[in-house]
Amino acid sequence: MVAPTLLQALIAITFCTYVTTCAITLPNISNIVIFGDSTVDSGNNNYIKSVIKSNHYPYGLNFPYHIPTGRFSDGKLIPDLVASFLNIKDSVPPFLDPSLSDYDIRTGVCFASAGSGYDDLTYAEIGVIPLPKQLEMFKNYISRLKGIVGEEEANKTVGSSLIMISSGNNDLLAYSDALSPRRLQLNVDEYQDFLLKVLQNFVQELYDLGGRLFIICGVAPLGCLPMQMTVRLVHTCLEDENAASRSYNGKLESLLPTLKESLPGSTIAYTNVYDPIVDMVDHPQKYGFVETHRGCCGTGLVEVSFLCNVATPVCSNASQYLFWDSIHPTEAAYKFLFDALIKEILNELSTQ
């Protein structure tokens, strides 16, 4: 079974972080696939007609060879760190990259699109890839995989793939806008329930395609994003937006056991990114941060995507900042989140 094997590996990985050397047997997971938004997009937006891109300097400043890949950070994202720790590969490429190799297909790719959400209407006007389209891309991926390894092996690969979903952030951000059309249709509780229903259907469709092992991320404390604080002309986290994040996360965490029961043979782990980020904001010294209320790029208050560009000055040491731009964490912050994610998955799977 996949879950016990992954559990054993995560126990070994967690133990190995505290010792100099150790020999571990990694699980039979050789493939990782990613769905979601800019927190996990490794560059799909490079290949679509959207203004939401980060394939330019100073993005990628601390990525290997200082390459701006389209990741919304100075370096690697959590999926890259997960793939590396599981000895799958060092980074997860975007599916839309025309130079994908057979090896890339066999070991997994990213379907995420910066700016997207569970809601089809979320930032649709700027041309991002919504989840239904990401699902269609996954179906195309499976066809390509079958062409490389054959149908039987492809089915095994999908069945043992680690599937990570990180979305919902943009939905709640868009809904917080007073001009959001969804606010005319649904109150905040109803909108959160709507998003979770979309997620539930999305996981069901992935399950029907053969997926069995899922990691589903909660949303960040959106009221602590520098951009959000700037819009409201404050320098402290916005409690109303953080409350919405907590409410959504609570509903998501409560939903997942029921969802798992409805999908025989599945393993579904919830990952809490909210609390670790709040802790970084409240206790920066624990993480070596000197700034947690503005990003490293430019003023750190509004710069993101094309506003964070080659002409924009950057801080001297991104590892001392929680945020890279006005919305997205630095690689340093993602590494701390990854440590929390590993512990979270370990705790989730140990109870299953």
Protein backbone atom coordinates (compact mmCIF):
# COMPACT_ATOMS: atom_id res chain seq x y z
CA MET A 1 0.00 0.00 0.00
CA VAL A 2 1.14 3.54 -0.72
CA ALA A 3 0.31 5.21 2.58
CA PRO A 4 2.37 3.01 4.95
CA THR A 5 5.33 3.16 2.59
CA LEU A 6 5.17 6.94 2.45
CA LEU A 7 4.77 7.06 6.22
CA GLN A 8 7.92 4.98 6.70
CA ALA A 9 9.86 7.24 4.36
CA LEU A 10 8.69 10.41 6.07
CA ILE A 11 9.68 8.99 9.46
CA ALA A 12 13.11 8.25 8.02
CA ILE A 13 13.35 11.65 6.35
CA THR A 14 12.34 13.46 9.54
CA PHE A 15 14.90 11.46 11.53
CA CYS A 16 17.60 12.13 8.95
CA THR A 17 17.23 15.87 9.34
CA TYR A 18 18.75 15.53 12.80
CA VAL A 19 21.72 13.32 11.98
CA THR A 20 24.73 13.70 9.73
CA THR A 21 24.32 10.54 7.69
CA CYS A 22 21.84 7.71 7.51
CA ALA A 23 20.67 5.12 5.03
CA ILE A 24 16.98 5.15 4.21
CA THR A 25 14.76 3.27 1.83
CA LEU A 26 12.55 5.71 0.00
CA PRO A 27 8.95 4.80 -0.82
CA ASN A 28 7.73 3.45 -4.10
CA ILE A 29 6.74 6.93 -5.23
CA SER A 30 8.54 7.99 -8.36
CA ASN A 31 6.07 10.57 -9.61
CA ILE A 32 4.72 13.89 -8.31
CA VAL A 33 1.98 16.00 -9.88
CA ILE A 34 0.94 19.48 -8.82
CA PHE A 35 -2.27 21.47 -9.19
CA GLY A 36 -3.10 24.95 -8.00
CA ASP A 37 -1.96 28.56 -8.02
CA SER A 38 1.22 30.66 -7.80
CA THR A 39 2.27 28.98 -4.55
CA VAL A 40 3.11 25.90 -6.64
CA ASP A 41 3.24 27.09 -10.28
CA SER A 42 6.69 26.24 -11.63
CA GLY A 43 6.24 28.17 -14.89
CA ASN A 44 3.06 27.25 -16.77
CA ASN A 45 2.11 30.92 -17.04
CA ASN A 46 5.24 31.44 -19.15
CA TYR A 47 3.43 29.71 -22.01
CA ILE A 48 0.01 31.37 -21.89
CA LYS A 49 -1.30 34.84 -22.72
CA SER A 50 -1.43 36.29 -19.23
CA VAL A 51 0.20 39.29 -17.60
CA ILE A 52 0.74 37.19 -14.47
CA LYS A 53 4.28 36.01 -15.10
CA SER A 54 7.55 35.80 -13.21
CA ASN A 55 9.95 34.51 -15.85
CA HIS A 56 12.16 37.56 -15.49
CA TYR A 57 14.79 38.88 -13.11
CA PRO A 58 14.89 39.29 -10.12
CA TYR A 59 12.63 36.24 -9.78
CA GLY A 60 14.82 33.14 -9.57
CA LEU A 61 17.67 35.10 -7.99
CA ASN A 62 18.51 32.18 -5.69
CA PHE A 63 17.30 29.38 -7.96
CA PRO A 64 20.09 27.11 -9.30
CA TYR A 65 22.10 29.08 -11.86
CA HIS A 66 19.99 32.16 -10.96
CA ILE A 67 17.39 31.30 -13.61
CA PRO A 68 13.97 33.02 -13.55
CA THR A 69 11.86 29.95 -14.27
CA GLY A 70 8.40 31.40 -13.75
CA ARG A 71 8.26 30.49 -10.07
CA PHE A 72 6.93 33.34 -7.95
CA SER A 73 9.84 33.40 -5.54
CA ASP A 74 13.57 33.93 -5.45
CA GLY A 75 14.16 30.18 -5.47
CA LYS A 76 12.44 26.83 -5.14
CA LEU A 77 8.86 26.12 -4.12
CA ILE A 78 7.53 23.46 -1.76
CA PRO A 79 6.82 20.90 -4.55
CA ASP A 80 10.48 21.13 -5.59
CA LEU A 81 11.56 20.50 -2.01
CA VAL A 82 9.18 17.55 -1.67
CA ALA A 83 10.37 16.00 -4.94
CA SER A 84 13.98 16.42 -3.88
CA PHE A 85 13.46 14.86 -0.44
CA LEU A 86 11.69 11.89 -1.99
CA ASN A 87 14.61 11.48 -4.40
CA ILE A 88 12.31 11.92 -7.38
CA LYS A 89 14.12 14.91 -8.87
CA ASP A 90 15.47 18.31 -7.89
CA SER A 91 12.57 20.36 -9.26
CA VAL A 92 9.15 19.86 -10.81
CA PRO A 93 8.82 21.28 -14.36
CA PRO A 94 5.69 22.89 -15.81
CA PHE A 95 3.61 20.69 -18.09
CA LEU A 96 3.38 23.37 -20.76
CA ASP A 97 7.15 23.47 -21.23
CA PRO A 98 7.64 22.27 -24.84
CA SER A 99 11.05 20.83 -23.98
CA LEU A 100 9.72 18.23 -21.52
CA SER A 101 11.60 14.94 -21.78
CA ASP A 102 10.26 11.42 -21.35
CA TYR A 103 11.99 11.43 -17.96
CA ASP A 104 10.06 14.55 -16.98
CA ILE A 105 6.80 12.87 -17.94
CA ARG A 106 7.66 9.67 -16.05
CA THR A 107 8.62 11.50 -12.85
CA GLY A 108 5.89 14.12 -12.79
CA VAL A 109 5.05 17.68 -13.72
CA CYS A 110 3.18 20.75 -12.54
CA PHE A 111 -0.19 21.87 -13.91
CA ALA A 112 -0.64 24.86 -11.60
CA SER A 113 -1.24 28.37 -12.88
CA ALA A 114 -0.49 31.57 -10.98
CA GLY A 115 -3.65 33.58 -10.39
CA SER A 116 -6.02 30.62 -10.62
CA GLY A 117 -8.42 29.29 -8.02
CA TYR A 118 -11.12 26.71 -7.46
CA ASP A 119 -13.63 29.22 -8.83
CA ASP A 120 -13.59 29.52 -12.63
CA LEU A 121 -14.34 33.23 -12.31
CA THR A 122 -11.28 33.96 -10.20
CA TYR A 123 -9.06 36.27 -12.27
CA ALA A 124 -10.41 34.70 -15.47
CA GLU A 125 -10.08 38.09 -17.14
CA ILE A 126 -6.28 37.85 -17.01
CA GLY A 127 -6.08 34.52 -18.79
CA VAL A 128 -4.95 32.13 -16.06
CA ILE A 129 -5.53 28.36 -16.26
CA PRO A 130 -8.55 27.34 -14.13
CA LEU A 131 -8.71 23.96 -12.39
CA PRO A 132 -10.97 22.32 -15.01
CA LYS A 133 -8.36 23.18 -17.64
CA GLN A 134 -5.61 21.87 -15.35
CA LEU A 135 -7.57 18.63 -15.16
CA GLU A 136 -7.72 18.44 -18.96
CA MET A 137 -3.96 18.97 -19.03
CA PHE A 138 -3.61 16.05 -16.59
CA LYS A 139 -5.63 13.83 -18.91
CA ASN A 140 -3.30 14.78 -21.77
CA TYR A 141 -0.38 14.03 -19.50
CA ILE A 142 -1.71 10.53 -18.79
CA SER A 143 -2.01 9.91 -22.53
CA ARG A 144 1.60 10.98 -23.02
CA LEU A 145 2.68 8.79 -20.12
CA LYS A 146 0.91 5.78 -21.63
CA GLY A 147 2.71 6.43 -24.90
CA ILE A 148 6.04 6.26 -23.08
CA VAL A 149 5.62 3.39 -20.59
CA GLY A 150 2.47 1.60 -21.74
CA GLU A 151 -1.02 1.62 -20.28
CA GLU A 152 -0.43 -0.82 -17.41
CA GLU A 153 2.69 0.92 -16.12
CA ALA A 154 1.08 4.34 -16.60
CA ASN A 155 -1.88 3.28 -14.47
CA LYS A 156 0.49 2.09 -11.75
CA THR A 157 2.40 5.35 -11.90
CA VAL A 158 -0.73 7.48 -11.54
CA GLY A 159 -1.97 5.26 -8.71
CA SER A 160 1.22 5.76 -6.73
CA SER A 161 1.76 9.40 -7.63
CA LEU A 162 1.95 12.04 -4.95
CA ILE A 163 -0.74 14.56 -5.93
CA MET A 164 -0.46 18.00 -4.35
CA ILE A 165 -3.22 20.59 -4.56
CA SER A 166 -2.62 24.16 -3.39
CA SER A 167 -5.43 26.55 -4.24
CA GLY A 168 -8.10 28.77 -2.71
CA ASN A 169 -5.84 31.72 -1.89
CA ASN A 170 -6.79 33.69 -5.00
CA ASP A 171 -10.46 32.87 -4.57
CA LEU A 172 -10.56 34.43 -1.11
CA LEU A 173 -8.44 37.38 -2.23
CA ALA A 174 -10.75 38.06 -5.16
CA TYR A 175 -13.82 37.70 -2.96
CA SER A 176 -12.42 40.26 -0.50
CA ASP A 177 -12.63 42.86 -3.27
CA ALA A 178 -15.77 44.96 -2.79
CA LEU A 179 -16.41 44.74 -6.55
CA SER A 180 -16.31 40.93 -6.66
CA PRO A 181 -19.35 39.59 -8.56
CA ARG A 182 -19.46 36.60 -6.21
CA ARG A 183 -20.23 38.93 -3.28
CA LEU A 184 -23.54 39.73 -4.97
CA GLN A 185 -24.40 36.03 -5.15
CA LEU A 186 -23.00 34.45 -1.98
CA ASN A 187 -22.02 35.52 1.51
CA VAL A 188 -18.56 34.53 2.71
CA ASP A 189 -19.69 31.27 4.35
CA GLU A 190 -21.63 30.25 1.26
CA TYR A 191 -18.69 31.10 -0.97
CA GLN A 192 -16.31 29.00 1.11
CA ASP A 193 -18.75 26.09 0.92
CA PHE A 194 -18.93 26.57 -2.84
CA LEU A 195 -15.12 26.41 -3.12
CA LEU A 196 -14.98 23.25 -1.02
CA LYS A 197 -17.60 21.60 -3.20
CA VAL A 198 -15.48 22.38 -6.25
CA LEU A 199 -12.45 20.89 -4.48
CA GLN A 200 -14.42 17.79 -3.54
CA ASN A 201 -15.50 17.25 -7.14
CA PHE A 202 -11.95 17.90 -8.35
CA VAL A 203 -10.47 15.25 -6.06
CA GLN A 204 -13.22 12.84 -7.12
CA GLU A 205 -12.27 13.35 -10.77
CA LEU A 206 -8.58 12.80 -9.99
CA TYR A 207 -9.54 9.65 -8.10
CA ASP A 208 -11.57 8.42 -11.07
CA LEU A 209 -8.47 8.92 -13.22
CA GLY A 210 -6.48 6.69 -10.87
CA GLY A 211 -5.10 9.08 -8.25
CA ARG A 212 -4.95 7.73 -4.70
CA LEU A 213 -2.46 9.78 -2.66
CA PHE A 214 -3.39 13.42 -2.09
CA ILE A 215 -1.85 16.32 -0.20
CA ILE A 216 -4.29 19.22 0.06
CA CYS A 217 -3.00 22.55 1.32
CA GLY A 218 -4.97 25.06 3.31
CA VAL A 219 -4.79 28.76 2.54
CA ALA A 220 -2.29 31.23 3.97
CA PRO A 221 -3.10 34.03 6.44
CA LEU A 222 -4.09 36.34 3.61
CA GLY A 223 -4.39 39.33 5.91
CA CYS A 224 -0.64 39.15 6.51
CA LEU A 225 0.31 39.58 2.85
CA PRO A 226 2.15 42.89 2.36
CA MET A 227 -0.07 43.72 -0.61
CA GLN A 228 -3.24 43.34 1.45
CA MET A 229 -1.91 45.47 4.29
CA THR A 230 -0.80 48.13 1.81
CA VAL A 231 -4.25 48.35 0.23
CA ARG A 232 -5.75 48.97 3.67
CA LEU A 233 -2.98 51.43 4.65
CA VAL A 234 -1.92 49.44 7.72
CA HIS A 235 1.27 47.72 8.84
CA THR A 236 -0.29 44.87 10.79
CA CYS A 237 -2.13 41.74 9.68
CA LEU A 238 -5.78 42.22 8.77
CA GLU A 239 -7.87 40.21 11.20
CA ASP A 240 -10.98 40.06 9.03
CA GLU A 241 -9.07 38.47 6.14
CA ASN A 242 -7.19 36.13 8.47
CA ALA A 243 -10.50 35.11 10.04
CA ALA A 244 -11.80 34.18 6.58
CA SER A 245 -8.66 32.09 6.00
CA ARG A 246 -9.10 30.31 9.34
CA SER A 247 -12.77 29.65 8.65
CA TYR A 248 -12.03 28.16 5.24
CA ASN A 249 -9.19 26.03 6.59
CA GLY A 250 -11.37 24.72 9.41
CA LYS A 251 -14.05 23.67 6.96
CA LEU A 252 -11.45 22.07 4.67
CA GLU A 253 -9.87 20.10 7.48
CA SER A 254 -13.30 18.86 8.60
CA LEU A 255 -14.25 17.86 5.06
CA LEU A 256 -11.23 15.71 4.25
CA PRO A 257 -11.97 12.68 6.51
CA THR A 258 -15.44 12.43 4.94
CA LEU A 259 -13.96 12.81 1.48
CA LYS A 260 -11.44 10.07 2.21
CA GLU A 261 -14.18 7.70 3.36
CA SER A 262 -16.00 8.23 0.07
CA LEU A 263 -12.88 7.28 -1.93
CA PRO A 264 -11.87 3.71 -1.00
CA GLY A 265 -8.12 3.13 -0.93
CA SER A 266 -7.27 6.82 -0.93
CA THR A 267 -4.97 8.69 1.42
CA ILE A 268 -5.65 12.39 1.93
CA ALA A 269 -3.39 14.57 4.05
CA TYR A 270 -4.19 18.15 5.04
CA THR A 271 -1.32 20.60 5.32
CA ASN A 272 -1.57 23.67 7.50
CA VAL A 273 0.36 26.60 6.06
CA TYR A 274 -1.57 29.20 8.05
CA ASP A 275 -0.08 28.65 11.51
CA PRO A 276 3.59 28.43 10.43
CA ILE A 277 3.33 31.72 8.51
CA VAL A 278 1.63 33.47 11.42
CA ASP A 279 4.41 32.20 13.66
CA MET A 280 7.00 33.61 11.26
CA VAL A 281 5.23 36.97 11.35
CA ASP A 282 4.93 36.98 15.14
CA HIS A 283 8.36 35.53 15.96
CA PRO A 284 10.71 36.46 13.11
CA GLN A 285 13.84 35.95 15.20
CA LYS A 286 13.11 32.21 15.43
CA TYR A 287 13.60 31.99 11.67
CA GLY A 288 16.38 34.50 11.19
CA PHE A 289 14.04 37.04 9.61
CA VAL A 290 14.52 40.78 9.97
CA GLU A 291 11.44 41.73 7.91
CA THR A 292 8.05 40.03 7.77
CA HIS A 293 5.72 42.85 6.70
CA ARG A 294 7.18 43.74 3.32
CA GLY A 295 8.81 41.84 0.49
CA CYS A 296 12.44 41.79 -0.63
CA CYS A 297 11.62 43.13 -4.10
CA GLY A 298 11.34 46.91 -4.40
CA THR A 299 9.43 48.61 -1.60
CA GLY A 300 7.98 45.19 -0.80
CA LEU A 301 4.53 46.73 -0.50
CA VAL A 302 3.02 46.44 -3.99
CA GLU A 303 5.61 44.83 -6.28
CA VAL A 304 4.56 41.48 -7.75
CA SER A 305 4.79 39.89 -11.21
CA PHE A 306 5.68 42.56 -13.81
CA LEU A 307 6.01 45.22 -11.08
CA CYS A 308 8.92 43.22 -9.66
CA ASN A 309 11.31 43.44 -12.60
CA VAL A 310 14.89 43.94 -13.70
CA ALA A 311 14.71 47.64 -12.88
CA THR A 312 13.46 46.98 -9.35
CA PRO A 313 16.03 47.01 -6.53
CA VAL A 314 16.05 44.04 -4.19
CA CYS A 315 17.15 43.52 -0.61
CA SER A 316 20.70 42.35 0.04
CA ASN A 317 19.71 39.05 1.68
CA ALA A 318 16.39 37.44 0.76
CA SER A 319 16.82 34.75 3.42
CA GLN A 320 16.17 37.42 6.05
CA TYR A 321 12.75 38.16 4.56
CA LEU A 322 9.53 36.20 4.92
CA PHE A 323 8.20 37.56 1.62
CA TRP A 324 9.97 37.81 -1.72
CA ASP A 325 7.45 40.14 -3.36
CA SER A 326 4.29 41.66 -1.93
CA ILE A 327 2.45 38.33 -1.98
CA HIS A 328 4.79 35.34 -2.22
CA PRO A 329 7.24 33.87 0.32
CA THR A 330 10.98 33.59 -0.16
CA GLU A 331 12.68 30.24 -0.66
CA ALA A 332 13.87 30.55 2.95
CA ALA A 333 10.27 30.79 4.14
CA TYR A 334 9.22 27.92 1.89
CA LYS A 335 11.92 25.75 3.45
CA PHE A 336 10.48 26.43 6.91
CA LEU A 337 7.02 25.67 5.55
CA PHE A 338 8.35 22.46 4.05
CA ASP A 339 9.66 21.37 7.44
CA ALA A 340 6.20 21.98 8.89
CA LEU A 341 4.58 20.21 5.93
CA ILE A 342 6.62 17.07 6.49
CA LYS A 343 5.60 16.98 10.13
CA GLU A 344 1.99 17.66 9.18
CA ILE A 345 1.86 14.80 6.68
CA LEU A 346 3.59 12.49 9.14
CA ASN A 347 1.00 13.31 11.78
CA GLU A 348 -1.90 12.91 9.34
CA LEU A 349 -0.75 9.58 7.97
CA SER A 350 0.15 8.14 11.36
CA THR A 351 -3.55 8.31 12.28
CA GLN A 352 -4.74 6.54 9.11
